[in-house]
Amino acid sequence: MAGQVALSILLLVGAGLLARSLFRLLTVDTGIETSHLLSFSIDRSLHKYTPDRSRRFFLDLQNSLEHLPGAVAGKRSLISRARG
């Protein structure tokens, strides 16, 4: 019985430490200014694009975004930034 209580307390403490660590990870300053950042994702499989057509689409989209009034840069990535 005492072993079960000790194990339960150990697991609760571990879960609390994990939750606190995850919260800190979400609130850490990454040094990236995101106040004027537009981020979105596009699922190219919905339009059944070929790899070549998909590449041309994303290049055209990037070019269009870079030429929007007030835009500083337009970039694309396969991996999105962490949400927060």
Protein backbone atom coordinates (compact mmCIF):
# COMPACT_ATOMS: atom_id res chain seq x y z
CA MET A 1 0.00 0.00 0.00
CA ALA A 2 2.76 2.45 0.89
CA GLY A 3 4.54 1.63 -2.38
CA GLN A 4 1.44 2.50 -4.38
CA VAL A 5 1.08 5.84 -2.60
CA ALA A 6 4.76 6.63 -3.15
CA LEU A 7 4.50 5.71 -6.83
CA SER A 8 1.34 7.83 -7.20
CA ILE A 9 3.05 10.84 -5.62
CA LEU A 10 6.09 10.33 -7.83
CA LEU A 11 3.91 10.20 -10.96
CA LEU A 12 1.97 13.32 -9.91
CA VAL A 13 5.18 15.26 -9.31
CA GLY A 14 6.54 14.10 -12.66
CA ALA A 15 3.33 15.14 -14.45
CA GLY A 16 3.45 18.54 -12.76
CA LEU A 17 7.06 19.10 -13.80
CA LEU A 18 6.25 18.07 -17.36
CA ALA A 19 3.28 20.45 -17.51
CA ARG A 20 5.39 23.31 -16.15
CA SER A 21 8.14 22.60 -18.69
CA LEU A 22 5.67 22.54 -21.58
CA PHE A 23 4.14 25.83 -20.43
CA ARG A 24 7.59 27.42 -20.27
CA LEU A 25 8.35 26.18 -23.79
CA LEU A 26 5.20 27.85 -25.09
CA THR A 27 6.06 31.18 -23.45
CA VAL A 28 9.78 31.36 -24.25
CA ASP A 29 10.91 34.32 -26.38
CA THR A 30 12.31 32.91 -29.63
CA GLY A 31 13.72 36.25 -30.73
CA ILE A 32 11.53 36.30 -33.83
CA GLU A 33 9.20 39.28 -34.26
CA THR A 34 5.82 37.86 -35.24
CA SER A 35 3.52 40.84 -34.76
CA HIS A 36 3.28 41.54 -38.51
CA LEU A 37 3.68 38.00 -39.78
CA LEU A 38 1.25 36.21 -42.08
CA SER A 39 1.45 32.44 -41.83
CA PHE A 40 -0.75 29.91 -43.58
CA SER A 41 -0.63 26.43 -45.04
CA ILE A 42 -1.86 25.05 -48.35
CA ASP A 43 -2.62 21.40 -48.98
CA ARG A 44 -1.64 20.95 -52.61
CA SER A 45 -3.05 17.42 -52.70
CA LEU A 46 -6.59 18.86 -52.61
CA HIS A 47 -6.07 20.26 -56.11
CA LYS A 48 -4.23 17.15 -57.37
CA TYR A 49 -1.25 19.23 -58.54
CA THR A 50 1.67 17.47 -60.12
CA PRO A 51 5.03 18.14 -58.45
CA ASP A 52 6.02 20.49 -61.30
CA ARG A 53 2.72 22.39 -61.20
CA SER A 54 2.93 22.59 -57.42
CA ARG A 55 6.46 24.05 -57.58
CA ARG A 56 5.34 26.67 -60.14
CA PHE A 57 2.28 27.53 -58.02
CA PHE A 58 4.36 28.16 -54.91
CA LEU A 59 6.95 30.20 -56.81
CA ASP A 60 4.18 32.35 -58.31
CA LEU A 61 2.53 32.72 -54.90
CA GLN A 62 5.82 33.75 -53.28
CA ASN A 63 6.44 36.29 -56.04
CA SER A 64 2.93 37.72 -55.62
CA LEU A 65 3.30 38.01 -51.85
CA GLU A 66 6.67 39.75 -52.17
CA HIS A 67 5.10 42.43 -54.38
CA LEU A 68 2.16 43.26 -52.10
CA PRO A 69 2.14 46.89 -50.92
CA GLY A 70 3.94 47.13 -47.58
CA ALA A 71 5.40 43.63 -47.79
CA VAL A 72 9.05 43.38 -46.77
CA ALA A 73 9.63 39.78 -47.83
CA GLY A 74 7.83 36.63 -48.86
CA LYS A 75 9.22 33.26 -47.88
CA ARG A 76 8.02 29.68 -47.92
CA SER A 77 8.89 26.69 -45.82
CA LEU A 78 8.03 23.03 -45.59
CA ILE A 79 8.05 23.30 -41.81
CA SER A 80 5.84 25.83 -40.06
CA ARG A 81 6.95 27.88 -37.12
CA ALA A 82 5.74 26.98 -33.66
CA ARG A 83 2.31 28.34 -32.87
CA GLY A 84 1.95 30.65 -29.96
